[in-house]
N, C-alpha and C. Protein backbone atom coordinates (compact mmCIF):
# COMPACT_ATOMS: atom_id res chain seq x y z
N MET A 1 -27.67 -19.02 -15.76
CA MET A 1 -26.23 -19.16 -15.21
C MET A 1 -25.66 -17.86 -15.09
N ILE A 2 -24.86 -17.70 -14.02
CA ILE A 2 -24.14 -16.50 -13.61
C ILE A 2 -22.63 -16.64 -13.77
N ARG A 3 -22.23 -15.84 -14.87
CA ARG A 3 -20.87 -16.22 -15.25
C ARG A 3 -19.88 -15.36 -14.17
N GLU A 4 -18.74 -15.88 -13.94
CA GLU A 4 -17.58 -15.05 -12.93
C GLU A 4 -16.64 -14.90 -13.92
N PHE A 5 -16.20 -13.50 -13.48
CA PHE A 5 -14.90 -13.15 -14.38
C PHE A 5 -13.97 -12.79 -13.01
N MET A 6 -12.48 -12.96 -13.56
CA MET A 6 -11.18 -12.61 -12.74
C MET A 6 -11.07 -11.11 -13.40
N PHE A 7 -10.94 -10.34 -12.40
CA PHE A 7 -10.73 -8.85 -12.72
C PHE A 7 -9.45 -8.25 -12.01
N SER A 8 -8.80 -7.49 -12.73
CA SER A 8 -7.68 -6.77 -12.03
C SER A 8 -8.09 -6.06 -10.99
N SER A 9 -6.96 -5.43 -10.28
CA SER A 9 -7.50 -4.50 -9.14
C SER A 9 -8.22 -3.34 -9.91
N SER A 10 -7.55 -2.55 -10.93
CA SER A 10 -7.87 -1.69 -11.45
C SER A 10 -9.35 -1.74 -11.98
N MET A 11 -9.62 -2.89 -12.71
CA MET A 11 -11.06 -3.27 -13.15
C MET A 11 -12.17 -3.22 -12.10
N ARG A 12 -11.68 -3.86 -10.81
CA ARG A 12 -12.64 -3.98 -9.85
C ARG A 12 -12.86 -2.55 -9.27
N ARG A 13 -12.12 -1.35 -9.45
CA ARG A 13 -12.36 -0.35 -9.11
C ARG A 13 -13.16 0.54 -10.19
N THR A 14 -13.19 0.16 -11.30
CA THR A 14 -13.83 0.57 -12.44
C THR A 14 -15.43 0.16 -12.16
N LEU A 15 -15.44 -1.18 -11.65
CA LEU A 15 -16.68 -1.73 -11.60
C LEU A 15 -17.64 -1.19 -10.78
N LEU A 16 -16.84 -0.83 -9.38
CA LEU A 16 -17.52 -0.36 -8.32
C LEU A 16 -18.18 1.06 -8.57
N VAL A 17 -17.82 1.86 -9.81
CA VAL A 17 -18.04 3.41 -9.79
C VAL A 17 -19.64 3.43 -10.32
N LEU A 18 -20.21 2.63 -11.28
CA LEU A 18 -21.25 2.82 -11.58
C LEU A 18 -22.53 2.68 -10.64
N PRO A 19 -22.29 1.70 -9.85
CA PRO A 19 -23.48 1.31 -8.80
C PRO A 19 -23.70 2.56 -7.92
N LEU A 20 -22.51 3.35 -7.73
CA LEU A 20 -22.32 4.36 -7.00
C LEU A 20 -23.45 5.70 -7.29
N LEU A 21 -23.50 5.77 -8.93
CA LEU A 21 -24.43 6.68 -9.31
C LEU A 21 -25.87 6.66 -9.11
N VAL A 22 -26.31 5.67 -8.74
CA VAL A 22 -27.81 5.45 -8.48
C VAL A 22 -28.01 5.15 -7.07
N LEU A 23 -26.86 5.27 -6.04
CA LEU A 23 -27.35 5.02 -4.57
C LEU A 23 -28.02 6.25 -4.06
N PRO A 24 -28.70 6.28 -3.07
CA PRO A 24 -29.45 7.37 -2.43
C PRO A 24 -28.39 8.49 -2.08
N LEU A 25 -29.04 9.81 -2.75
CA LEU A 25 -28.29 10.94 -2.54
C LEU A 25 -28.56 11.41 -1.16
N VAL A 26 -28.06 10.67 -0.09
CA VAL A 26 -28.20 11.03 1.18
C VAL A 26 -26.90 11.13 1.97
N ALA A 27 -26.80 12.19 2.87
CA ALA A 27 -25.50 12.33 3.76
C ALA A 27 -25.37 11.11 4.53
N VAL A 28 -24.15 10.68 4.72
CA VAL A 28 -23.62 9.53 5.49
C VAL A 28 -23.68 10.26 7.22
N SER A 29 -24.40 9.32 7.80
CA SER A 29 -24.67 10.02 8.92
C SER A 29 -23.61 9.61 10.21
N LEU A 30 -23.28 10.70 10.71
CA LEU A 30 -22.25 10.34 11.71
C LEU A 30 -22.63 11.02 13.05
N GLY A 31 -23.50 10.45 13.74
CA GLY A 31 -24.21 10.77 14.93
C GLY A 31 -25.17 11.73 14.54
N ALA A 32 -24.97 13.19 15.08
CA ALA A 32 -25.64 14.15 14.90
C ALA A 32 -25.27 15.29 13.71
N GLN A 33 -23.84 14.66 13.37
CA GLN A 33 -23.25 15.79 12.61
C GLN A 33 -23.77 15.58 10.95
N GLN A 34 -23.67 16.97 10.45
CA GLN A 34 -24.21 17.17 9.16
C GLN A 34 -23.17 17.59 8.29
N PRO A 35 -23.04 17.04 7.08
CA PRO A 35 -22.11 17.62 6.11
C PRO A 35 -22.06 19.05 5.84
N SER A 36 -21.00 20.04 5.96
CA SER A 36 -20.83 21.36 5.60
C SER A 36 -21.11 21.36 4.24
N ILE A 37 -21.81 22.31 3.50
CA ILE A 37 -22.24 22.49 2.04
C ILE A 37 -21.07 23.43 1.82
N PRO A 38 -20.47 23.11 0.55
CA PRO A 38 -19.34 24.08 0.09
C PRO A 38 -20.06 25.06 -0.83
N PRO A 39 -19.66 26.14 -0.87
CA PRO A 39 -20.20 27.39 -1.95
C PRO A 39 -20.55 26.74 -3.32
N ALA A 40 -21.57 27.27 -3.81
CA ALA A 40 -22.30 26.69 -5.26
C ALA A 40 -21.02 26.76 -6.23
N ALA A 41 -20.14 27.83 -6.09
CA ALA A 41 -19.02 27.82 -7.00
C ALA A 41 -18.07 26.93 -6.98
N GLN A 42 -17.75 26.48 -5.87
CA GLN A 42 -16.89 25.50 -5.62
C GLN A 42 -17.44 23.89 -5.86
N GLN A 43 -18.69 23.82 -5.97
CA GLN A 43 -19.45 22.49 -6.36
C GLN A 43 -19.53 22.47 -7.93
N ILE A 44 -19.81 23.72 -8.68
CA ILE A 44 -19.61 23.75 -9.92
C ILE A 44 -18.47 23.48 -10.55
N ALA A 45 -17.47 23.98 -10.04
CA ALA A 45 -16.06 23.59 -10.65
C ALA A 45 -15.70 22.22 -10.28
N ALA A 46 -16.05 21.80 -9.05
CA ALA A 46 -15.71 20.12 -8.81
C ALA A 46 -16.49 19.48 -9.79
N ALA A 47 -17.72 19.69 -9.85
CA ALA A 47 -18.90 18.72 -10.61
C ALA A 47 -18.42 18.48 -12.04
N VAL A 48 -17.81 19.32 -12.77
CA VAL A 48 -17.65 19.47 -14.15
C VAL A 48 -16.32 18.83 -14.53
N LEU A 49 -15.55 18.41 -13.57
CA LEU A 49 -14.06 17.99 -13.51
C LEU A 49 -14.01 16.44 -14.67
N PRO A 50 -14.93 15.65 -14.34
CA PRO A 50 -14.97 14.58 -15.21
C PRO A 50 -14.88 14.94 -16.66
N LEU A 51 -15.63 15.82 -17.28
CA LEU A 51 -15.72 16.38 -18.64
C LEU A 51 -14.85 16.60 -19.25
N PRO A 52 -14.69 16.51 -20.72
CA PRO A 52 -13.76 17.15 -21.46
C PRO A 52 -13.66 18.40 -21.39
N ALA A 53 -12.56 19.30 -21.44
CA ALA A 53 -12.51 20.71 -21.10
C ALA A 53 -13.33 21.53 -21.77
N ASP A 54 -13.68 21.19 -23.33
CA ASP A 54 -14.39 22.00 -23.83
C ASP A 54 -16.08 21.94 -23.61
N LEU A 55 -16.47 21.08 -22.75
CA LEU A 55 -17.83 20.59 -22.45
C LEU A 55 -18.23 21.30 -20.89
N ARG A 56 -17.14 21.61 -20.14
CA ARG A 56 -17.54 22.14 -18.87
C ARG A 56 -18.22 23.42 -18.85
N ALA A 57 -17.89 24.65 -19.65
CA ALA A 57 -18.44 25.84 -19.33
C ALA A 57 -19.86 25.77 -19.29
N ASN A 58 -20.47 25.11 -20.17
CA ASN A 58 -22.04 25.15 -20.26
C ASN A 58 -22.71 24.24 -19.90
N ALA A 59 -22.20 23.30 -19.04
CA ALA A 59 -23.08 21.99 -18.62
C ALA A 59 -23.75 22.54 -17.58
N THR A 60 -24.84 21.84 -17.30
CA THR A 60 -25.91 21.74 -16.11
C THR A 60 -25.16 21.36 -14.88
N VAL A 61 -25.49 22.24 -13.90
CA VAL A 61 -24.61 21.57 -12.63
C VAL A 61 -25.59 21.27 -11.37
N MET A 62 -25.84 20.23 -10.98
CA MET A 62 -26.81 19.96 -9.81
C MET A 62 -25.89 19.61 -8.55
N GLY A 63 -26.31 20.27 -7.38
CA GLY A 63 -25.77 20.34 -6.03
C GLY A 63 -26.52 20.58 -4.89
N TYR A 64 -25.92 21.04 -3.93
CA TYR A 64 -26.65 21.35 -2.84
C TYR A 64 -26.65 22.53 -2.07
N ARG A 65 -27.72 23.39 -1.75
CA ARG A 65 -27.70 24.42 -0.93
C ARG A 65 -27.89 23.90 0.36
N GLU A 66 -28.74 22.61 0.72
CA GLU A 66 -28.76 22.05 2.03
C GLU A 66 -28.82 20.57 1.86
N ALA A 67 -28.41 20.04 2.94
CA ALA A 67 -28.03 18.65 2.98
C ALA A 67 -29.06 17.81 2.62
N ASN A 68 -28.85 16.76 1.76
CA ASN A 68 -29.72 15.79 1.14
C ASN A 68 -31.01 16.28 0.14
N LYS A 69 -30.77 17.52 -0.44
CA LYS A 69 -31.38 17.96 -1.50
C LYS A 69 -30.95 18.53 -2.68
N LEU A 70 -30.92 17.60 -3.50
CA LEU A 70 -30.08 18.06 -4.98
C LEU A 70 -31.21 19.09 -5.57
N VAL A 71 -30.17 20.14 -6.07
CA VAL A 71 -30.91 21.07 -6.93
C VAL A 71 -30.21 21.58 -8.07
N VAL A 72 -30.60 22.24 -8.84
CA VAL A 72 -30.00 22.90 -9.84
C VAL A 72 -29.04 24.13 -9.52
N LEU A 73 -27.48 24.18 -9.50
CA LEU A 73 -27.05 25.33 -9.02
C LEU A 73 -26.63 26.00 -10.26
N ARG A 74 -26.41 25.68 -11.72
CA ARG A 74 -26.42 26.20 -12.93
C ARG A 74 -27.05 25.61 -13.87
N GLN A 75 -27.76 26.26 -14.73
CA GLN A 75 -28.40 25.82 -15.73
C GLN A 75 -27.65 25.99 -17.04
N GLY A 76 -27.45 24.67 -17.58
CA GLY A 76 -26.56 24.73 -18.81
C GLY A 76 -27.03 24.77 -20.13
N THR A 77 -26.39 24.79 -21.33
CA THR A 77 -26.99 24.78 -22.72
C THR A 77 -26.35 23.64 -23.62
N ASN A 78 -25.52 23.07 -23.07
CA ASN A 78 -24.68 22.08 -23.75
C ASN A 78 -25.03 20.54 -23.79
N GLY A 79 -26.33 20.15 -23.15
CA GLY A 79 -26.92 18.95 -23.21
C GLY A 79 -26.21 17.99 -22.39
N MET A 80 -25.34 18.66 -21.23
CA MET A 80 -24.51 17.72 -20.27
C MET A 80 -25.18 18.42 -18.87
N THR A 81 -25.46 17.06 -18.01
CA THR A 81 -26.01 17.26 -16.58
C THR A 81 -24.62 16.55 -15.70
N CYS A 82 -24.20 17.58 -14.82
CA CYS A 82 -23.16 17.23 -13.82
C CYS A 82 -23.60 17.16 -12.55
N LEU A 83 -23.18 16.20 -11.51
CA LEU A 83 -23.75 16.09 -10.40
C LEU A 83 -22.59 16.19 -9.33
N ALA A 84 -22.65 17.25 -8.33
CA ALA A 84 -21.75 17.49 -7.26
C ALA A 84 -21.87 16.43 -6.18
N LEU A 85 -21.69 15.19 -6.06
CA LEU A 85 -22.10 14.10 -5.37
C LEU A 85 -21.30 14.13 -4.21
N TYR A 86 -20.13 14.77 -4.38
CA TYR A 86 -19.17 14.54 -3.26
C TYR A 86 -19.45 15.31 -1.89
N VAL A 87 -20.29 16.14 -2.15
CA VAL A 87 -20.91 16.84 -1.01
C VAL A 87 -21.29 16.06 0.21
N VAL A 88 -22.09 15.16 -0.42
CA VAL A 88 -22.71 14.18 0.53
C VAL A 88 -22.18 12.84 0.58
N ARG A 89 -21.17 12.62 0.08
CA ARG A 89 -20.38 11.26 -0.14
C ARG A 89 -19.25 11.07 0.80
N GLY A 90 -19.12 9.89 1.32
CA GLY A 90 -17.86 9.88 2.06
C GLY A 90 -16.59 9.85 1.45
N ASN A 91 -16.57 9.59 -0.05
CA ASN A 91 -15.47 9.60 -0.89
C ASN A 91 -15.66 11.06 -1.99
N PHE A 92 -14.58 11.45 -2.64
CA PHE A 92 -15.03 12.08 -3.65
C PHE A 92 -15.38 11.47 -4.97
N HIS A 93 -16.77 12.06 -5.48
CA HIS A 93 -17.20 11.26 -6.52
C HIS A 93 -18.24 12.30 -7.22
N VAL A 94 -17.94 12.39 -8.55
CA VAL A 94 -18.67 13.65 -9.28
C VAL A 94 -18.84 12.83 -10.74
N ALA A 95 -20.08 13.12 -11.11
CA ALA A 95 -20.38 12.41 -12.39
C ALA A 95 -21.11 13.38 -13.43
N CYS A 96 -21.02 13.10 -14.80
CA CYS A 96 -21.62 13.98 -15.80
C CYS A 96 -22.26 13.04 -16.70
N TYR A 97 -23.47 13.44 -17.19
CA TYR A 97 -24.03 12.55 -18.19
C TYR A 97 -24.86 13.38 -19.40
N ALA A 98 -25.09 12.79 -20.48
CA ALA A 98 -26.30 13.22 -21.25
C ALA A 98 -27.48 13.68 -20.65
N ASP A 99 -28.29 14.81 -21.00
CA ASP A 99 -29.31 15.18 -20.39
C ASP A 99 -30.33 14.16 -20.80
N GLY A 100 -30.33 13.47 -21.86
CA GLY A 100 -31.42 12.43 -22.24
C GLY A 100 -31.27 11.42 -21.21
N LEU A 101 -30.41 10.98 -20.38
CA LEU A 101 -30.19 10.14 -19.45
C LEU A 101 -30.97 10.35 -17.98
N GLU A 102 -31.05 11.72 -17.96
CA GLU A 102 -31.68 12.24 -16.58
C GLU A 102 -33.04 11.80 -16.25
N PRO A 103 -33.93 11.47 -16.97
CA PRO A 103 -35.17 10.72 -16.60
C PRO A 103 -34.81 9.45 -15.90
N PHE A 104 -33.95 8.64 -16.52
CA PHE A 104 -33.57 7.40 -15.88
C PHE A 104 -32.74 7.49 -14.57
N MET A 105 -31.94 8.35 -14.47
CA MET A 105 -31.10 8.54 -13.32
C MET A 105 -32.01 9.23 -12.30
N ALA A 106 -32.89 10.22 -12.48
CA ALA A 106 -33.79 10.82 -11.54
C ALA A 106 -34.51 9.67 -10.92
N ARG A 107 -35.21 8.97 -11.70
CA ARG A 107 -36.24 7.85 -11.49
C ARG A 107 -35.49 6.89 -10.32
N GLY A 108 -34.29 6.64 -10.68
CA GLY A 108 -33.44 5.74 -9.70
C GLY A 108 -33.30 6.50 -8.49
N ARG A 109 -33.11 7.76 -8.33
CA ARG A 109 -32.76 8.44 -7.35
C ARG A 109 -34.12 8.41 -6.39
N ALA A 110 -35.17 8.59 -7.27
CA ALA A 110 -36.47 8.86 -6.39
C ALA A 110 -36.83 7.38 -5.60
N LEU A 111 -36.80 6.45 -6.62
CA LEU A 111 -37.05 5.28 -6.00
C LEU A 111 -36.20 4.69 -4.86
N ARG A 112 -34.98 5.16 -4.79
CA ARG A 112 -34.07 4.76 -3.55
C ARG A 112 -34.50 5.56 -2.31
N GLU A 113 -34.82 6.79 -2.63
CA GLU A 113 -35.34 7.73 -1.56
C GLU A 113 -36.74 7.06 -0.93
N GLN A 114 -37.35 6.40 -1.66
CA GLN A 114 -38.38 5.77 -1.25
C GLN A 114 -38.05 4.51 -0.43
N GLY A 115 -36.80 4.12 -0.41
CA GLY A 115 -36.48 2.72 0.42
C GLY A 115 -36.49 1.42 -0.66
N VAL A 116 -36.63 1.67 -1.95
CA VAL A 116 -36.51 0.62 -2.66
C VAL A 116 -35.22 0.03 -3.16
N ASN A 117 -35.13 -1.28 -2.85
CA ASN A 117 -33.84 -1.78 -3.19
C ASN A 117 -33.01 -1.85 -4.24
N ALA A 118 -31.83 -1.69 -4.42
CA ALA A 118 -31.03 -1.62 -5.87
C ALA A 118 -31.53 -2.67 -7.02
N GLN A 119 -31.88 -3.92 -6.55
CA GLN A 119 -32.27 -4.61 -7.60
C GLN A 119 -33.75 -4.50 -7.87
N GLN A 120 -34.72 -4.03 -7.33
CA GLN A 120 -36.08 -3.68 -7.38
C GLN A 120 -35.92 -2.36 -8.16
N VAL A 121 -35.20 -1.44 -7.92
CA VAL A 121 -34.98 -0.14 -8.66
C VAL A 121 -35.16 -0.53 -10.28
N ASP A 122 -34.11 -1.49 -10.52
CA ASP A 122 -33.99 -1.67 -12.11
C ASP A 122 -35.31 -2.35 -12.57
N THR A 123 -35.62 -3.05 -11.70
CA THR A 123 -37.06 -4.06 -12.36
C THR A 123 -38.00 -2.95 -12.50
N VAL A 124 -38.15 -1.94 -11.56
CA VAL A 124 -39.17 -0.77 -11.82
C VAL A 124 -39.01 0.03 -13.01
N ARG A 125 -37.76 0.42 -13.14
CA ARG A 125 -37.16 1.11 -14.18
C ARG A 125 -37.37 0.46 -15.68
N PHE A 126 -37.11 -0.72 -15.80
CA PHE A 126 -37.03 -1.59 -16.85
C PHE A 126 -38.49 -1.70 -17.35
N ALA A 127 -39.55 -2.10 -16.37
CA ALA A 127 -40.79 -2.01 -16.61
C ALA A 127 -41.60 -0.81 -17.12
N GLU A 128 -41.04 0.35 -16.65
CA GLU A 128 -41.41 1.66 -17.05
C GLU A 128 -40.90 2.01 -18.22
N VAL A 129 -39.61 1.49 -18.62
CA VAL A 129 -39.08 1.66 -19.99
C VAL A 129 -40.10 0.96 -20.97
N ALA A 130 -40.30 -0.26 -20.81
CA ALA A 130 -40.90 -1.02 -21.82
C ALA A 130 -42.64 -0.70 -22.00
N SER A 131 -42.98 0.12 -20.92
CA SER A 131 -44.45 0.57 -21.19
C SER A 131 -44.49 2.13 -21.72
N GLY A 132 -43.27 2.61 -21.83
CA GLY A 132 -43.29 3.92 -22.41
C GLY A 132 -43.35 5.17 -21.60
N ARG A 133 -43.57 4.77 -20.07
CA ARG A 133 -43.80 5.63 -19.22
C ARG A 133 -42.40 6.58 -18.94
N LEU A 134 -41.24 5.71 -19.04
CA LEU A 134 -39.82 6.25 -18.90
C LEU A 134 -38.87 6.07 -20.23
N ARG A 135 -38.64 7.13 -20.69
CA ARG A 135 -38.04 7.11 -22.18
C ARG A 135 -36.47 7.29 -21.78
N MET A 136 -35.79 6.18 -22.72
CA MET A 136 -34.24 6.46 -22.71
C MET A 136 -33.88 6.99 -24.05
N PRO A 137 -32.74 7.89 -24.37
CA PRO A 137 -32.29 8.28 -25.66
C PRO A 137 -31.59 7.05 -26.18
N ALA A 138 -31.44 7.27 -27.62
CA ALA A 138 -30.92 6.32 -28.22
C ALA A 138 -29.55 5.80 -27.91
N MET A 139 -28.85 7.13 -27.24
CA MET A 139 -27.45 6.89 -26.96
C MET A 139 -27.22 7.99 -25.91
N GLY A 140 -26.33 7.94 -25.21
CA GLY A 140 -25.74 9.06 -24.07
C GLY A 140 -24.60 8.52 -23.49
N THR A 141 -23.72 9.68 -23.17
CA THR A 141 -22.35 9.28 -22.41
C THR A 141 -22.46 9.75 -21.15
N LEU A 142 -21.67 9.06 -20.13
CA LEU A 142 -21.51 9.41 -18.80
C LEU A 142 -19.99 9.20 -18.62
N TYR A 143 -19.60 10.36 -17.47
CA TYR A 143 -18.21 10.56 -17.34
C TYR A 143 -18.26 10.61 -15.76
N SER A 144 -17.34 9.82 -15.21
CA SER A 144 -17.23 10.34 -13.84
C SER A 144 -15.89 10.13 -13.14
N LEU A 145 -15.74 10.52 -11.77
CA LEU A 145 -14.23 10.60 -11.12
C LEU A 145 -14.64 10.34 -9.77
N SER A 146 -13.64 9.33 -9.29
CA SER A 146 -13.53 8.82 -7.67
C SER A 146 -12.49 8.81 -7.24
N ALA A 147 -12.30 9.11 -6.12
CA ALA A 147 -11.20 9.20 -5.28
C ALA A 147 -11.39 9.35 -3.94
N PRO A 148 -10.38 9.07 -3.13
CA PRO A 148 -10.39 9.43 -1.56
C PRO A 148 -10.66 10.88 -1.56
N LYS A 149 -11.56 11.22 -0.49
CA LYS A 149 -11.92 12.69 -0.28
C LYS A 149 -10.76 13.56 -0.04
N GLU A 150 -9.70 13.00 0.58
CA GLU A 150 -8.59 13.80 0.93
C GLU A 150 -7.83 14.10 -0.39
N ASN A 151 -7.85 13.46 -1.37
CA ASN A 151 -7.32 13.71 -2.73
C ASN A 151 -7.71 14.84 -3.40
N PHE A 152 -8.89 15.57 -2.90
CA PHE A 152 -9.59 16.74 -3.56
C PHE A 152 -8.94 17.93 -2.97
N ASP A 153 -8.38 19.01 -3.38
CA ASP A 153 -8.04 20.32 -3.01
C ASP A 153 -9.03 21.23 -3.45
N PRO A 154 -10.21 21.76 -2.74
CA PRO A 154 -10.92 22.48 -3.27
C PRO A 154 -10.55 23.98 -3.42
N ALA A 155 -9.30 24.51 -2.83
CA ALA A 155 -8.46 25.59 -3.03
C ALA A 155 -8.15 25.80 -4.58
N THR A 156 -7.60 24.62 -5.11
CA THR A 156 -7.07 24.71 -6.34
C THR A 156 -8.15 23.91 -7.44
N ASN A 157 -9.03 23.28 -6.97
CA ASN A 157 -9.94 22.46 -7.82
C ASN A 157 -9.11 21.34 -8.39
N THR A 158 -8.34 20.66 -7.61
CA THR A 158 -7.48 19.80 -8.16
C THR A 158 -7.74 18.25 -7.46
N LEU A 159 -7.59 17.40 -8.38
CA LEU A 159 -7.71 15.85 -7.78
C LEU A 159 -6.59 15.05 -8.15
N LYS A 160 -6.07 14.36 -7.12
CA LYS A 160 -5.09 13.55 -7.28
C LYS A 160 -5.45 11.80 -7.30
N GLY A 161 -4.93 11.28 -8.13
CA GLY A 161 -5.05 9.70 -8.00
C GLY A 161 -6.51 9.18 -8.43
N ALA A 162 -7.16 9.93 -9.32
CA ALA A 162 -8.75 9.54 -9.50
C ALA A 162 -8.89 8.50 -10.44
N ALA A 163 -9.95 7.62 -9.98
CA ALA A 163 -10.41 6.63 -11.13
C ALA A 163 -11.28 7.21 -12.03
N PRO A 164 -11.08 7.36 -13.45
CA PRO A 164 -11.76 7.96 -14.34
C PRO A 164 -12.72 6.67 -14.75
N LEU A 165 -13.91 7.04 -15.16
CA LEU A 165 -14.81 5.95 -16.22
C LEU A 165 -15.67 6.71 -16.85
N THR A 166 -15.67 6.14 -18.20
CA THR A 166 -16.55 6.89 -19.24
C THR A 166 -17.17 5.63 -19.80
N VAL A 167 -18.60 5.78 -19.84
CA VAL A 167 -19.39 5.07 -20.64
C VAL A 167 -20.29 5.54 -21.56
N ILE A 168 -20.89 4.73 -22.50
CA ILE A 168 -21.74 5.22 -23.34
C ILE A 168 -23.20 4.00 -23.41
N TYR A 169 -24.07 4.75 -23.00
CA TYR A 169 -25.37 4.14 -22.97
C TYR A 169 -26.00 3.87 -24.28
N VAL A 170 -26.36 2.40 -24.62
CA VAL A 170 -26.89 2.15 -25.87
C VAL A 170 -27.93 1.22 -25.35
N PRO A 171 -29.21 1.84 -25.20
CA PRO A 171 -30.18 1.00 -24.48
C PRO A 171 -30.60 -0.42 -25.47
N ASN A 172 -30.64 -1.33 -24.72
CA ASN A 172 -31.10 -2.75 -25.33
C ASN A 172 -29.94 -3.25 -26.35
N ALA A 173 -28.78 -3.10 -26.44
CA ALA A 173 -27.74 -3.07 -27.24
C ALA A 173 -27.27 -4.63 -26.91
N THR A 174 -26.59 -5.33 -27.76
CA THR A 174 -26.25 -6.80 -27.56
C THR A 174 -24.94 -6.76 -28.50
N PRO A 175 -24.09 -7.57 -28.03
CA PRO A 175 -22.89 -7.91 -28.73
C PRO A 175 -23.20 -8.02 -30.56
N ALA A 176 -24.17 -8.63 -30.75
CA ALA A 176 -24.61 -8.82 -31.94
C ALA A 176 -25.04 -7.59 -32.56
N THR A 177 -25.42 -6.67 -32.03
CA THR A 177 -26.26 -5.41 -32.55
C THR A 177 -25.02 -4.43 -32.77
N VAL A 178 -24.17 -4.57 -31.76
CA VAL A 178 -22.99 -3.49 -31.47
C VAL A 178 -21.60 -3.69 -32.00
N GLY A 179 -21.50 -5.08 -32.14
CA GLY A 179 -20.06 -5.74 -32.36
C GLY A 179 -19.08 -5.49 -31.48
N ILE A 180 -19.71 -5.51 -30.03
CA ILE A 180 -18.92 -5.38 -28.92
C ILE A 180 -18.72 -6.36 -28.06
N THR A 181 -18.01 -6.96 -27.13
CA THR A 181 -17.80 -8.06 -26.66
C THR A 181 -18.41 -7.91 -25.08
N ALA A 182 -19.51 -8.71 -24.56
CA ALA A 182 -19.86 -8.52 -23.19
C ALA A 182 -18.78 -9.01 -22.23
N VAL A 183 -17.85 -9.48 -22.77
CA VAL A 183 -17.00 -10.19 -21.49
C VAL A 183 -15.75 -9.01 -21.24
N PRO A 184 -15.87 -8.58 -19.70
CA PRO A 184 -15.01 -7.47 -19.31
C PRO A 184 -13.62 -7.65 -19.67
N THR A 185 -13.03 -6.33 -20.19
CA THR A 185 -11.58 -6.25 -20.33
C THR A 185 -10.94 -5.17 -19.84
N SER A 186 -9.55 -5.14 -19.55
CA SER A 186 -9.09 -4.08 -19.04
C SER A 186 -8.46 -3.42 -20.16
N ASN A 187 -8.44 -3.60 -21.33
CA ASN A 187 -7.66 -2.69 -22.25
C ASN A 187 -8.81 -2.98 -23.80
N GLY A 188 -9.76 -1.91 -23.64
CA GLY A 188 -10.87 -1.71 -24.76
C GLY A 188 -12.11 -1.95 -24.33
N PRO A 189 -12.86 -1.58 -25.31
CA PRO A 189 -14.46 -1.53 -24.75
C PRO A 189 -15.33 -2.94 -24.66
N TRP A 190 -16.05 -2.91 -23.80
CA TRP A 190 -16.99 -4.11 -23.64
C TRP A 190 -18.46 -3.58 -23.07
N LEU A 191 -19.41 -4.43 -23.48
CA LEU A 191 -20.77 -4.23 -23.06
C LEU A 191 -21.28 -4.63 -21.96
N MET A 192 -21.74 -3.88 -20.93
CA MET A 192 -22.42 -4.20 -19.70
C MET A 192 -23.67 -4.14 -19.60
N PHE A 193 -24.40 -5.14 -19.00
CA PHE A 193 -25.80 -5.21 -19.04
C PHE A 193 -26.37 -5.42 -20.37
N PRO A 194 -25.95 -6.00 -21.27
CA PRO A 194 -26.52 -6.37 -22.71
C PRO A 194 -27.96 -6.50 -22.48
N GLY A 195 -28.71 -6.30 -23.40
CA GLY A 195 -30.14 -6.45 -23.96
C GLY A 195 -30.97 -5.88 -22.77
N THR A 196 -30.65 -5.00 -22.04
CA THR A 196 -31.36 -4.34 -21.21
C THR A 196 -31.47 -2.58 -21.39
N PRO A 197 -32.56 -1.92 -20.67
CA PRO A 197 -32.26 -0.58 -21.24
C PRO A 197 -31.19 0.44 -20.73
N LYS A 198 -30.57 -0.49 -19.74
CA LYS A 198 -29.07 0.50 -19.33
C LYS A 198 -27.98 -0.44 -19.89
N ALA A 199 -27.95 -0.97 -20.96
CA ALA A 199 -26.96 -1.46 -21.53
C ALA A 199 -25.92 -0.34 -21.95
N HIS A 200 -24.66 -0.54 -21.52
CA HIS A 200 -23.69 0.51 -22.07
C HIS A 200 -22.25 0.01 -22.29
N ILE A 201 -21.63 0.65 -23.11
CA ILE A 201 -20.26 0.41 -23.56
C ILE A 201 -19.44 0.82 -22.21
N MET A 202 -18.64 0.06 -21.81
CA MET A 202 -17.46 0.38 -20.87
C MET A 202 -16.27 0.88 -21.55
N ILE A 203 -15.69 2.06 -21.50
CA ILE A 203 -14.58 2.38 -21.95
C ILE A 203 -13.28 2.16 -21.20
N THR A 204 -12.38 1.22 -21.42
CA THR A 204 -11.38 1.01 -20.37
C THR A 204 -10.03 1.10 -21.23
N GLY A 205 -8.99 1.25 -20.53
CA GLY A 205 -7.69 1.65 -21.08
C GLY A 205 -7.44 2.86 -21.52
N SER A 206 -6.23 2.92 -22.40
CA SER A 206 -5.88 4.29 -22.75
C SER A 206 -6.57 4.46 -24.22
N MET A 207 -7.00 5.77 -24.22
CA MET A 207 -7.56 6.26 -25.66
C MET A 207 -6.62 7.37 -26.03
N ALA A 208 -5.34 7.44 -25.85
CA ALA A 208 -4.29 8.24 -26.16
C ALA A 208 -4.17 7.88 -27.64
N PRO A 209 -3.80 9.02 -28.50
CA PRO A 209 -3.39 8.46 -29.75
C PRO A 209 -2.05 8.05 -30.06
């Protein structure tokens, strides 16, 4: 049975973010036009924006030296990887996650580049996790920011009106194992995809003291 929930406009924006992380990392074709590639320094500065300030300087950053080819622009040392996805996207979107999640994320990118559809990508990845071919960490955090492209000022590396998202991956977790509801809420944590390798805790609402 598929349960349907009523979401606020802010929650709908939040739920749209995660699927974007596993879309094909390809440029949007506008005739023969190709996206211009920003300097590596700009990509690095933009890509780390989702992270807490103290984690930005030493994160690994992946971006583009040519269209459609994601490469390491800076090797980090603090266990976080950031992607400068805004370079090839129609909107501004950047994401950072714990290095332990990279095999799962990279496998998703590779499958989509092969033309595998979204539902089948998870079918393949889940089977590979079950077989031991694909390893998941016990836990890993992901941060992302999304906004209209025009809201980003590369000259000052500032972003207006961003929709932030923080999730904590807890593979195979269920409400019974972590004590967190699987019912979406706009003010507090909830568990998405419970019982699967990509189960994760959605962090919504203010965390201010």
